[in-house]
Amino acid sequence: MSCGHGFASLKECKQPSRCHTSTTKTSYINDTCARCDREVHFHVIRTSYEEDHASLVRKFIRARDENRSSEAMQLQREIAALHRATREKNATISTLRCDPDVLWS
């Protein structure tokens, strides 16, 4: 794969003479695995952000409705910090453009 990872068959080889030899043909896929894929990373970060954000907003609304202003202000700061942390995580993901099509060669 273009990320450097590969596929391996976990099936037992029925013809040992044909398995894992220098004559085995290797094919490459112009794509990344899920562990390296940018879109997977963005999705994981986004899902985590949405869950944490929803929880903080529920707590904020409850604190605001119950006139606990200092707690509401603290929750607003936590929401802003969560937003900043999420932006930083997204910035660490490779900025290389990915082609959505898989090219076999």
PDB file of N, CA and C in Angstrom:
ATOM      1  N   MET A   1       0.845  -1.166   0.000  1.00  0.00           N
ATOM      2  CA  MET A   1       0.000   0.000   0.000  1.00  0.00           C
ATOM      3  C   MET A   1       0.895   1.235   0.000  1.00  0.00           C
ATOM      4  N   SER A   2       0.340   2.343  -0.401  1.00  0.00           N
ATOM      5  CA  SER A   2       1.158   3.554  -0.495  1.00  0.00           C
ATOM      6  C   SER A   2       1.630   4.051   0.865  1.00  0.00           C
ATOM      7  N   CYS A   3       0.972   3.625   1.928  1.00  0.00           N
ATOM      8  CA  CYS A   3       1.387   4.041   3.270  1.00  0.00           C
ATOM      9  C   CYS A   3       2.515   3.168   3.816  1.00  0.00           C
ATOM     10  N   GLY A   4       2.831   2.083   3.106  1.00  0.00           N
ATOM     11  CA  GLY A   4       3.907   1.204   3.544  1.00  0.00           C
ATOM     12  C   GLY A   4       3.416  -0.051   4.242  1.00  0.00           C
ATOM     13  N   HIS A   5       2.155  -0.097   4.597  1.00  0.00           N
ATOM     14  CA  HIS A   5       1.599  -1.296   5.221  1.00  0.00           C
ATOM     15  C   HIS A   5       1.179  -2.281   4.138  1.00  0.00           C
ATOM     16  N   GLY A   6       0.935  -3.514   4.519  1.00  0.00           N
ATOM     17  CA  GLY A   6       0.570  -4.526   3.542  1.00  0.00           C
ATOM     18  C   GLY A   6      -0.528  -5.435   4.045  1.00  0.00           C
ATOM     19  N   PHE A   7      -1.024  -6.229   3.142  1.00  0.00           N
ATOM     20  CA  PHE A   7      -2.016  -7.243   3.478  1.00  0.00           C
ATOM     21  C   PHE A   7      -1.299  -8.575   3.620  1.00  0.00           C
ATOM     22  N   ALA A   8      -1.794  -9.403   4.492  1.00  0.00           N
ATOM     23  CA  ALA A   8      -1.252 -10.752   4.629  1.00  0.00           C
ATOM     24  C   ALA A   8      -2.422 -11.699   4.828  1.00  0.00           C
ATOM     25  N   SER A   9      -2.334 -12.826   4.202  1.00  0.00           N
ATOM     26  CA  SER A   9      -3.375 -13.828   4.359  1.00  0.00           C
ATOM     27  C   SER A   9      -3.145 -14.593   5.651  1.00  0.00           C
ATOM     28  N   LEU A  10      -4.206 -14.777   6.411  1.00  0.00           N
ATOM     29  CA  LEU A  10      -4.101 -15.527   7.659  1.00  0.00           C
ATOM     30  C   LEU A  10      -4.471 -16.994   7.467  1.00  0.00           C
ATOM     31  N   LYS A  11      -4.841 -17.352   6.226  1.00  0.00           N
ATOM     32  CA  LYS A  11      -5.158 -18.746   5.930  1.00  0.00           C
ATOM     33  C   LYS A  11      -3.882 -19.574   5.916  1.00  0.00           C
ATOM     34  N   GLU A  12      -4.019 -20.808   6.339  1.00  0.00           N
ATOM     35  CA  GLU A  12      -2.875 -21.716   6.305  1.00  0.00           C
ATOM     36  C   GLU A  12      -2.571 -22.074   4.852  1.00  0.00           C
ATOM     37  N   CYS A  13      -1.306 -22.078   4.508  1.00  0.00           N
ATOM     38  CA  CYS A  13      -0.881 -22.367   3.141  1.00  0.00           C
ATOM     39  C   CYS A  13      -0.990 -23.870   2.877  1.00  0.00           C
ATOM     40  N   LYS A  14      -1.746 -24.232   1.840  1.00  0.00           N
ATOM     41  CA  LYS A  14      -1.924 -25.646   1.514  1.00  0.00           C
ATOM     42  C   LYS A  14      -0.806 -26.173   0.625  1.00  0.00           C
ATOM     43  N   GLN A  15      -0.070 -25.266  -0.017  1.00  0.00           N
ATOM     44  CA  GLN A  15       1.063 -25.654  -0.859  1.00  0.00           C
ATOM     45  C   GLN A  15       2.278 -24.856  -0.392  1.00  0.00           C
ATOM     46  N   PRO A  16       2.961 -25.333   0.645  1.00  0.00           N
ATOM     47  CA  PRO A  16       4.083 -24.579   1.220  1.00  0.00           C
ATOM     48  C   PRO A  16       5.148 -24.162   0.215  1.00  0.00           C
ATOM     49  N   SER A  17       5.296 -24.915  -0.841  1.00  0.00           N
ATOM     50  CA  SER A  17       6.321 -24.563  -1.828  1.00  0.00           C
ATOM     51  C   SER A  17       5.975 -23.264  -2.565  1.00  0.00           C
ATOM     52  N   ARG A  18       4.713 -22.854  -2.548  1.00  0.00           N
ATOM     53  CA  ARG A  18       4.293 -21.637  -3.248  1.00  0.00           C
ATOM     54  C   ARG A  18       4.103 -20.451  -2.298  1.00  0.00           C
ATOM     55  N   CYS A  19       4.270 -20.673  -1.016  1.00  0.00           N
ATOM     56  CA  CYS A  19       3.998 -19.616  -0.040  1.00  0.00           C
ATOM     57  C   CYS A  19       5.273 -18.919   0.405  1.00  0.00           C
ATOM     58  N   HIS A  20       5.213 -17.620   0.516  1.00  0.00           N
ATOM     59  CA  HIS A  20       6.293 -16.804   1.081  1.00  0.00           C
ATOM     60  C   HIS A  20       7.646 -17.071   0.438  1.00  0.00           C
ATOM     61  N   THR A  21       7.650 -17.139  -0.863  1.00  0.00           N
ATOM     62  CA  THR A  21       8.922 -17.337  -1.558  1.00  0.00           C
ATOM     63  C   THR A  21       9.261 -16.079  -2.346  1.00  0.00           C
ATOM     64  N   SER A  22      10.463 -16.052  -2.859  1.00  0.00           N
ATOM     65  CA  SER A  22      10.881 -14.894  -3.655  1.00  0.00           C
ATOM     66  C   SER A  22      10.149 -14.842  -4.989  1.00  0.00           C
ATOM     67  N   THR A  23       9.486 -15.938  -5.375  1.00  0.00           N
ATOM     68  CA  THR A  23       8.750 -15.942  -6.636  1.00  0.00           C
ATOM     69  C   THR A  23       7.320 -15.452  -6.468  1.00  0.00           C
ATOM     70  N   THR A  24       6.911 -15.205  -5.245  1.00  0.00           N
ATOM     71  CA  THR A  24       5.558 -14.706  -5.012  1.00  0.00           C
ATOM     72  C   THR A  24       5.441 -13.309  -5.605  1.00  0.00           C
ATOM     73  N   LYS A  25       4.407 -13.105  -6.428  1.00  0.00           N
ATOM     74  CA  LYS A  25       4.210 -11.804  -7.071  1.00  0.00           C
ATOM     75  C   LYS A  25       3.622 -10.827  -6.057  1.00  0.00           C
ATOM     76  N   THR A  26       4.179  -9.642  -6.017  1.00  0.00           N
ATOM     77  CA  THR A  26       3.700  -8.602  -5.119  1.00  0.00           C
ATOM     78  C   THR A  26       2.949  -7.560  -5.931  1.00  0.00           C
ATOM     79  N   SER A  27       1.780  -7.183  -5.468  1.00  0.00           N
ATOM     80  CA  SER A  27       1.009  -6.113  -6.101  1.00  0.00           C
ATOM     81  C   SER A  27       0.929  -4.952  -5.130  1.00  0.00           C
ATOM     82  N   TYR A  28       0.834  -3.756  -5.659  1.00  0.00           N
ATOM     83  CA  TYR A  28       0.745  -2.565  -4.825  1.00  0.00           C
ATOM     84  C   TYR A  28      -0.586  -1.874  -5.055  1.00  0.00           C
ATOM     85  N   ILE A  29      -1.110  -1.300  -4.002  1.00  0.00           N
ATOM     86  CA  ILE A  29      -2.359  -0.551  -4.073  1.00  0.00           C
ATOM     87  C   ILE A  29      -2.026   0.904  -3.783  1.00  0.00           C
ATOM     88  N   ASN A  30      -2.446   1.786  -4.649  1.00  0.00           N
ATOM     89  CA  ASN A  30      -2.198   3.213  -4.453  1.00  0.00           C
ATOM     90  C   ASN A  30      -3.273   3.767  -3.512  1.00  0.00           C
ATOM     91  N   ASP A  31      -3.228   3.327  -2.273  1.00  0.00           N
ATOM     92  CA  ASP A  31      -4.198   3.747  -1.261  1.00  0.00           C
ATOM     93  C   ASP A  31      -3.583   3.487   0.104  1.00  0.00           C
ATOM     94  N   THR A  32      -4.193   4.020   1.139  1.00  0.00           N
ATOM     95  CA  THR A  32      -3.702   3.811   2.494  1.00  0.00           C
ATOM     96  C   THR A  32      -4.648   2.899   3.258  1.00  0.00           C
ATOM     97  N   CYS A  33      -4.117   2.294   4.305  1.00  0.00           N
ATOM     98  CA  CYS A  33      -4.949   1.463   5.169  1.00  0.00           C
ATOM     99  C   CYS A  33      -5.743   2.374   6.113  1.00  0.00           C
ATOM    100  N   ALA A  34      -6.717   1.814   6.814  1.00  0.00           N
ATOM    101  CA  ALA A  34      -7.560   2.612   7.712  1.00  0.00           C
ATOM    102  C   ALA A  34      -6.740   3.276   8.808  1.00  0.00           C
ATOM    103  N   ARG A  35      -5.681   2.612   9.263  1.00  0.00           N
ATOM    104  CA  ARG A  35      -4.857   3.179  10.328  1.00  0.00           C
ATOM    105  C   ARG A  35      -4.135   4.444   9.869  1.00  0.00           C
ATOM    106  N   CYS A  36      -3.868   4.570   8.575  1.00  0.00           N
ATOM    107  CA  CYS A  36      -3.124   5.718   8.047  1.00  0.00           C
ATOM    108  C   CYS A  36      -3.999   6.704   7.278  1.00  0.00           C
ATOM    109  N   ASP A  37      -5.231   6.352   6.985  1.00  0.00           N
ATOM    110  CA  ASP A  37      -6.085   7.165   6.123  1.00  0.00           C
ATOM    111  C   ASP A  37      -6.517   8.462   6.799  1.00  0.00           C
ATOM    112  N   ARG A  38      -6.337   9.580   6.104  1.00  0.00           N
ATOM    113  CA  ARG A  38      -6.699  10.892   6.646  1.00  0.00           C
ATOM    114  C   ARG A  38      -8.176  10.972   6.999  1.00  0.00           C
ATOM    115  N   GLU A  39      -9.027  10.499   6.097  1.00  0.00           N
ATOM    116  CA  GLU A  39     -10.470  10.625   6.313  1.00  0.00           C
ATOM    117  C   GLU A  39     -10.921   9.840   7.543  1.00  0.00           C
ATOM    118  N   VAL A  40     -10.308   8.703   7.788  1.00  0.00           N
ATOM    119  CA  VAL A  40     -10.635   7.924   8.986  1.00  0.00           C
ATOM    120  C   VAL A  40     -10.251   8.719  10.227  1.00  0.00           C
ATOM    121  N   HIS A  41      -9.063   9.318  10.212  1.00  0.00           N
ATOM    122  CA  HIS A  41      -8.629  10.123  11.357  1.00  0.00           C
ATOM    123  C   HIS A  41      -9.564  11.307  11.582  1.00  0.00           C
ATOM    124  N   PHE A  42      -9.935  12.008  10.504  1.00  0.00           N
ATOM    125  CA  PHE A  42     -10.860  13.131  10.639  1.00  0.00           C
ATOM    126  C   PHE A  42     -12.192  12.670  11.230  1.00  0.00           C
ATOM    127  N   HIS A  43     -12.682  11.519  10.781  1.00  0.00           N
ATOM    128  CA  HIS A  43     -13.958  10.997  11.278  1.00  0.00           C
ATOM    129  C   HIS A  43     -13.880  10.671  12.771  1.00  0.00           C
ATOM    130  N   VAL A  44     -12.805  10.021  13.186  1.00  0.00           N
ATOM    131  CA  VAL A  44     -12.640   9.655  14.603  1.00  0.00           C
ATOM    132  C   VAL A  44     -12.580  10.915  15.468  1.00  0.00           C
ATOM    133  N   ILE A  45     -11.807  11.900  15.031  1.00  0.00           N
ATOM    134  CA  ILE A  45     -11.689  13.150  15.787  1.00  0.00           C
ATOM    135  C   ILE A  45     -13.037  13.862  15.841  1.00  0.00           C
ATOM    136  N   ARG A  46     -13.739  13.916  14.719  1.00  0.00           N
ATOM    137  CA  ARG A  46     -15.041  14.603  14.658  1.00  0.00           C
ATOM    138  C   ARG A  46     -16.063  13.916  15.561  1.00  0.00           C
ATOM    139  N   THR A  47     -16.108  12.597  15.533  1.00  0.00           N
ATOM    140  CA  THR A  47     -17.052  11.852  16.367  1.00  0.00           C
ATOM    141  C   THR A  47     -16.792  12.122  17.844  1.00  0.00           C
ATOM    142  N   SER A  48     -15.545  12.084  18.239  1.00  0.00           N
ATOM    143  CA  SER A  48     -15.182  12.359  19.629  1.00  0.00           C
ATOM    144  C   SER A  48     -15.560  13.785  20.012  1.00  0.00           C
ATOM    145  N   TYR A  49     -15.261  14.733  19.124  1.00  0.00           N
ATOM    146  CA  TYR A  49     -15.594  16.140  19.383  1.00  0.00           C
ATOM    147  C   TYR A  49     -17.098  16.315  19.573  1.00  0.00           C
ATOM    148  N   GLU A  50     -17.889  15.737  18.684  1.00  0.00           N
ATOM    149  CA  GLU A  50     -19.343  15.910  18.758  1.00  0.00           C
ATOM    150  C   GLU A  50     -19.913  15.343  20.052  1.00  0.00           C
ATOM    151  N   GLU A  51     -19.410  14.191  20.485  1.00  0.00           N
ATOM    152  CA  GLU A  51     -19.885  13.601  21.742  1.00  0.00           C
ATOM    153  C   GLU A  51     -19.524  14.486  22.931  1.00  0.00           C
ATOM    154  N   ASP A  52     -18.268  14.920  22.992  1.00  0.00           N
ATOM    155  CA  ASP A  52     -17.819  15.762  24.105  1.00  0.00           C
ATOM    156  C   ASP A  52     -18.522  17.115  24.092  1.00  0.00           C
ATOM    157  N   HIS A  53     -18.693  17.697  22.912  1.00  0.00           N
ATOM    158  CA  HIS A  53     -19.344  19.001  22.781  1.00  0.00           C
ATOM    159  C   HIS A  53     -20.799  18.918  23.241  1.00  0.00           C
ATOM    160  N   ALA A  54     -21.505  17.882  22.814  1.00  0.00           N
ATOM    161  CA  ALA A  54     -22.912  17.724  23.206  1.00  0.00           C
ATOM    162  C   ALA A  54     -23.042  17.601  24.721  1.00  0.00           C
ATOM    163  N   SER A  55     -22.144  16.854  25.337  1.00  0.00           N
ATOM    164  CA  SER A  55     -22.173  16.692  26.793  1.00  0.00           C
ATOM    165  C   SER A  55     -21.935  18.026  27.493  1.00  0.00           C
ATOM    166  N   LEU A  56     -20.940  18.779  27.038  1.00  0.00           N
ATOM    167  CA  LEU A  56     -20.641  20.075  27.652  1.00  0.00           C
ATOM    168  C   LEU A  56     -21.783  21.069  27.452  1.00  0.00           C
ATOM    169  N   VAL A  57     -22.394  21.065  26.281  1.00  0.00           N
ATOM    170  CA  VAL A  57     -23.505  21.989  26.021  1.00  0.00           C
ATOM    171  C   VAL A  57     -24.697  21.652  26.912  1.00  0.00           C
ATOM    172  N   ARG A  58     -24.986  20.366  27.102  1.00  0.00           N
ATOM    173  CA  ARG A  58     -26.087  19.982  28.009  1.00  0.00           C
ATOM    174  C   ARG A  58     -25.820  20.498  29.420  1.00  0.00           C
ATOM    175  N   LYS A  59     -24.584  20.326  29.889  1.00  0.00           N
ATOM    176  CA  LYS A  59     -24.224  20.810  31.225  1.00  0.00           C
ATOM    177  C   LYS A  59     -24.316  22.331  31.295  1.00  0.00           C
ATOM    178  N   PHE A  60     -23.876  23.008  30.234  1.00  0.00           N
ATOM    179  CA  PHE A  60     -23.936  24.467  30.194  1.00  0.00           C
ATOM    180  C   PHE A  60     -25.382  24.954  30.275  1.00  0.00           C
ATOM    181  N   ILE A  61     -26.260  24.366  29.484  1.00  0.00           N
ATOM    182  CA  ILE A  61     -27.668  24.783  29.476  1.00  0.00           C
ATOM    183  C   ILE A  61     -28.291  24.563  30.844  1.00  0.00           C
ATOM    184  N   ARG A  62     -27.989  23.430  31.467  1.00  0.00           N
ATOM    185  CA  ARG A  62     -28.512  23.146  32.800  1.00  0.00           C
ATOM    186  C   ARG A  62     -28.006  24.189  33.808  1.00  0.00           C
ATOM    187  N   ALA A  63     -26.727  24.493  33.759  1.00  0.00           N
ATOM    188  CA  ALA A  63     -26.148  25.484  34.681  1.00  0.00           C
ATOM    189  C   ALA A  63     -26.745  26.867  34.426  1.00  0.00           C
ATOM    190  N   ARG A  64     -26.902  27.230  33.164  1.00  0.00           N
ATOM    191  CA  ARG A  64     -27.481  28.536  32.825  1.00  0.00           C
ATOM    192  C   ARG A  64     -28.925  28.639  33.302  1.00  0.00           C
ATOM    193  N   ASP A  65     -29.708  27.584  33.054  1.00  0.00           N
ATOM    194  CA  ASP A  65     -31.119  27.594  33.451  1.00  0.00           C
ATOM    195  C   ASP A  65     -31.292  27.621  34.962  1.00  0.00           C
ATOM    196  N   GLU A  66     -30.307  27.087  35.685  1.00  0.00           N
ATOM    197  CA  GLU A  66     -30.377  27.068  37.152  1.00  0.00           C
ATOM    198  C   GLU A  66     -29.615  28.241  37.766  1.00  0.00           C
ATOM    199  N   ASN A  67     -29.284  29.245  36.941  1.00  0.00           N
ATOM    200  CA  ASN A  67     -28.611  30.475  37.393  1.00  0.00           C
ATOM    201  C   ASN A  67     -27.292  30.216  38.119  1.00  0.00           C
ATOM    202  N   ARG A  68     -26.550  29.221  37.673  1.00  0.00           N
ATOM    203  CA  ARG A  68     -25.208  28.970  38.207  1.00  0.00           C
ATOM    204  C   ARG A  68     -24.209  29.571  37.220  1.00  0.00           C
ATOM    205  N   SER A  69     -24.069  30.886  37.284  1.00  0.00           N
ATOM    206  CA  SER A  69     -23.307  31.607  36.259  1.00  0.00           C
ATOM    207  C   SER A  69     -21.820  31.261  36.250  1.00  0.00           C
ATOM    208  N   SER A  70     -21.218  31.063  37.416  1.00  0.00           N
ATOM    209  CA  SER A  70     -19.783  30.747  37.422  1.00  0.00           C
ATOM    210  C   SER A  70     -19.525  29.378  36.776  1.00  0.00           C
ATOM    211  N   GLU A  71     -20.402  28.426  37.032  1.00  0.00           N
ATOM    212  CA  GLU A  71     -20.263  27.106  36.406  1.00  0.00           C
ATOM    213  C   GLU A  71     -20.506  27.200  34.898  1.00  0.00           C
ATOM    214  N   ALA A  72     -21.492  28.012  34.501  1.00  0.00           N
ATOM    215  CA  ALA A  72     -21.785  28.195  33.078  1.00  0.00           C
ATOM    216  C   ALA A  72     -20.591  28.826  32.362  1.00  0.00           C
ATOM    217  N   MET A  73     -19.948  29.803  33.004  1.00  0.00           N
ATOM    218  CA  MET A  73     -18.774  30.437  32.401  1.00  0.00           C
ATOM    219  C   MET A  73     -17.622  29.447  32.263  1.00  0.00           C
ATOM    220  N   GLN A  74     -17.438  28.611  33.279  1.00  0.00           N
ATOM    221  CA  GLN A  74     -16.387  27.589  33.221  1.00  0.00           C
ATOM    222  C   GLN A  74     -16.665  26.608  32.080  1.00  0.00           C
ATOM    223  N   LEU A  75     -17.918  26.232  31.910  1.00  0.00           N
ATOM    224  CA  LEU A  75     -18.278  25.313  30.830  1.00  0.00           C
ATOM    225  C   LEU A  75     -18.064  25.965  29.464  1.00  0.00           C
ATOM    226  N   GLN A  76     -18.324  27.257  29.355  1.00  0.00           N
ATOM    227  CA  GLN A  76     -18.047  27.961  28.100  1.00  0.00           C
ATOM    228  C   GLN A  76     -16.552  27.908  27.778  1.00  0.00           C
ATOM    229  N   ARG A  77     -15.719  28.070  28.790  1.00  0.00           N
ATOM    230  CA  ARG A  77     -14.269  27.980  28.584  1.00  0.00           C
ATOM    231  C   ARG A  77     -13.867  26.566  28.154  1.00  0.00           C
ATOM    232  N   GLU A  78     -14.502  25.560  28.758  1.00  0.00           N
ATOM    233  CA  GLU A  78     -14.202  24.169  28.387  1.00  0.00           C
ATOM    234  C   GLU A  78     -14.619  23.882  26.944  1.00  0.00           C
ATOM    235  N   ILE A  79     -15.755  24.438  26.529  1.00  0.00           N
ATOM    236  CA  ILE A  79     -16.212  24.255  25.145  1.00  0.00           C
ATOM    237  C   ILE A  79     -15.214  24.892  24.184  1.00  0.00           C
ATOM    238  N   ALA A  80     -14.751  26.088  24.510  1.00  0.00           N
ATOM    239  CA  ALA A  80     -13.762  26.768  23.662  1.00  0.00           C
ATOM    240  C   ALA A  80     -12.450  25.978  23.622  1.00  0.00           C
ATOM    241  N   ALA A  81     -12.033  25.441  24.761  1.00  0.00           N
ATOM    242  CA  ALA A  81     -10.800  24.648  24.817  1.00  0.00           C
ATOM    243  C   ALA A  81     -10.940  23.368  23.992  1.00  0.00           C
ATOM    244  N   LEU A  82     -12.104  22.742  24.058  1.00  0.00           N
ATOM    245  CA  LEU A  82     -12.361  21.539  23.262  1.00  0.00           C
ATOM    246  C   LEU A  82     -12.262  21.869  21.776  1.00  0.00           C
ATOM    247  N   HIS A  83     -12.841  22.995  21.394  1.00  0.00           N
ATOM    248  CA  HIS A  83     -12.791  23.417  19.991  1.00  0.00           C
ATOM    249  C   HIS A  83     -11.340  23.634  19.546  1.00  0.00           C
ATOM    250  N   ARG A  84     -10.549  24.318  20.361  1.00  0.00           N
ATOM    251  CA  ARG A  84      -9.139  24.558  20.024  1.00  0.00           C
ATOM    252  C   ARG A  84      -8.361  23.245  19.922  1.00  0.00           C
ATOM    253  N   ALA A  85      -8.583  22.355  20.882  1.00  0.00           N
ATOM    254  CA  ALA A  85      -7.870  21.066  20.878  1.00  0.00           C
ATOM    255  C   ALA A  85      -8.225  20.247  19.636  1.00  0.00           C
ATOM    256  N   THR A  86      -9.481  20.291  19.233  1.00  0.00           N
ATOM    257  CA  THR A  86      -9.909  19.551  18.045  1.00  0.00           C
ATOM    258  C   THR A  86      -9.260  20.130  16.794  1.00  0.00           C
ATOM    259  N   ARG A  87      -9.193  21.443  16.708  1.00  0.00           N
ATOM    260  CA  ARG A  87      -8.528  22.077  15.559  1.00  0.00           C
ATOM    261  C   ARG A  87      -7.054  21.684  15.513  1.00  0.00           C
ATOM    262  N   GLU A  88      -6.403  21.617  16.667  1.00  0.00           N
ATOM    263  CA  GLU A  88      -4.991  21.224  16.713  1.00  0.00           C
ATOM    264  C   GLU A  88      -4.808  19.775  16.268  1.00  0.00           C
ATOM    265  N   LYS A  89      -5.717  18.896  16.709  1.00  0.00           N
ATOM    266  CA  LYS A  89      -5.637  17.489  16.287  1.00  0.00           C
ATOM    267  C   LYS A  89      -5.797  17.377  14.777  1.00  0.00           C
ATOM    268  N   ASN A  90      -6.766  18.113  14.229  1.00  0.00           N
ATOM    269  CA  ASN A  90      -6.980  18.072  12.777  1.00  0.00           C
ATOM    270  C   ASN A  90      -5.767  18.608  12.024  1.00  0.00           C
ATOM    271  N   ALA A  91      -5.094  19.587  12.596  1.00  0.00           N
ATOM    272  CA  ALA A  91      -3.921  20.170  11.936  1.00  0.00           C
ATOM    273  C   ALA A  91      -2.750  19.195  11.887  1.00  0.00           C
ATOM    274  N   THR A  92      -2.716  18.233  12.802  1.00  0.00           N
ATOM    275  CA  THR A  92      -1.608  17.273  12.814  1.00  0.00           C
ATOM    276  C   THR A  92      -1.755  16.206  11.739  1.00  0.00           C
ATOM    277  N   ILE A  93      -2.954  16.067  11.197  1.00  0.00           N
ATOM    278  CA  ILE A  93      -3.181  15.074  10.146  1.00  0.00           C
ATOM    279  C   ILE A  93      -2.545  15.589   8.861  1.00  0.00           C
ATOM    280  N   SER A  94      -1.958  14.698   8.137  1.00  0.00           N
ATOM    281  CA  SER A  94      -1.270  15.060   6.895  1.00  0.00           C
ATOM    282  C   SER A  94      -2.131  15.947   6.015  1.00  0.00           C
ATOM    283  N   THR A  95      -1.515  16.945   5.436  1.00  0.00           N
ATOM    284  CA  THR A  95      -2.237  17.852   4.545  1.00  0.00           C
ATOM    285  C   THR A  95      -2.122  17.429   3.086  1.00  0.00           C
ATOM    286  N   LEU A  96      -1.523  16.275   2.841  1.00  0.00           N
ATOM    287  CA  LEU A  96      -1.425  15.792   1.467  1.00  0.00           C
ATOM    288  C   LEU A  96      -2.806  15.444   0.946  1.00  0.00           C
ATOM    289  N   ARG A  97      -3.051  15.780  -0.283  1.00  0.00           N
ATOM    290  CA  ARG A  97      -4.334  15.507  -0.920  1.00  0.00           C
ATOM    291  C   ARG A  97      -4.433  14.021  -1.215  1.00  0.00           C
ATOM    292  N   CYS A  98      -5.558  13.426  -0.873  1.00  0.00           N
ATOM    293  CA  CYS A  98      -5.785  12.004  -1.142  1.00  0.00           C
ATOM    294  C   CYS A  98      -6.745  11.865  -2.312  1.00  0.00           C
ATOM    295  N   ASP A  99      -6.443  10.944  -3.190  1.00  0.00           N
ATOM    296  CA  ASP A  99      -7.349  10.632  -4.280  1.00  0.00           C
ATOM    297  C   ASP A  99      -8.341   9.598  -3.755  1.00  0.00           C
ATOM    298  N   PRO A 100      -9.648   9.856  -3.867  1.00  0.00           N
ATOM    299  CA  PRO A 100     -10.623   8.919  -3.313  1.00  0.00           C
ATOM    300  C   PRO A 100     -10.695   7.586  -4.054  1.00  0.00           C
ATOM    301  N   ASP A 101     -10.111   7.518  -5.259  1.00  0.00           N
ATOM    302  CA  ASP A 101     -10.155   6.282  -6.029  1.00  0.00           C
ATOM    303  C   ASP A 101      -8.949   5.410  -5.699  1.00  0.00           C
ATOM    304  N   VAL A 102      -9.189   4.126  -5.604  1.00  0.00           N
ATOM    305  CA  VAL A 102      -8.110   3.167  -5.376  1.00  0.00           C
ATOM    306  C   VAL A 102      -7.588   2.728  -6.734  1.00  0.00           C
ATOM    307  N   LEU A 103      -6.288   2.823  -6.906  1.00  0.00           N
ATOM    308  CA  LEU A 103      -5.671   2.422  -8.170  1.00  0.00           C
ATOM    309  C   LEU A 103      -4.866   1.151  -7.950  1.00  0.00           C
ATOM    310  N   TRP A 104      -5.199   0.103  -8.661  1.00  0.00           N
ATOM    311  CA  TRP A 104      -4.483  -1.166  -8.558  1.00  0.00           C
ATOM    312  C   TRP A 104      -3.430  -1.210  -9.648  1.00  0.00           C
ATOM    313  N   SER A 105      -2.257  -1.694  -9.308  1.00  0.00           N
ATOM    314  CA  SER A 105      -1.222  -1.835 -10.341  1.00  0.00           C
ATOM    315  C   SER A 105      -0.561  -3.192 -10.232  1.00  0.00           C
TER     316      SER A 105
END
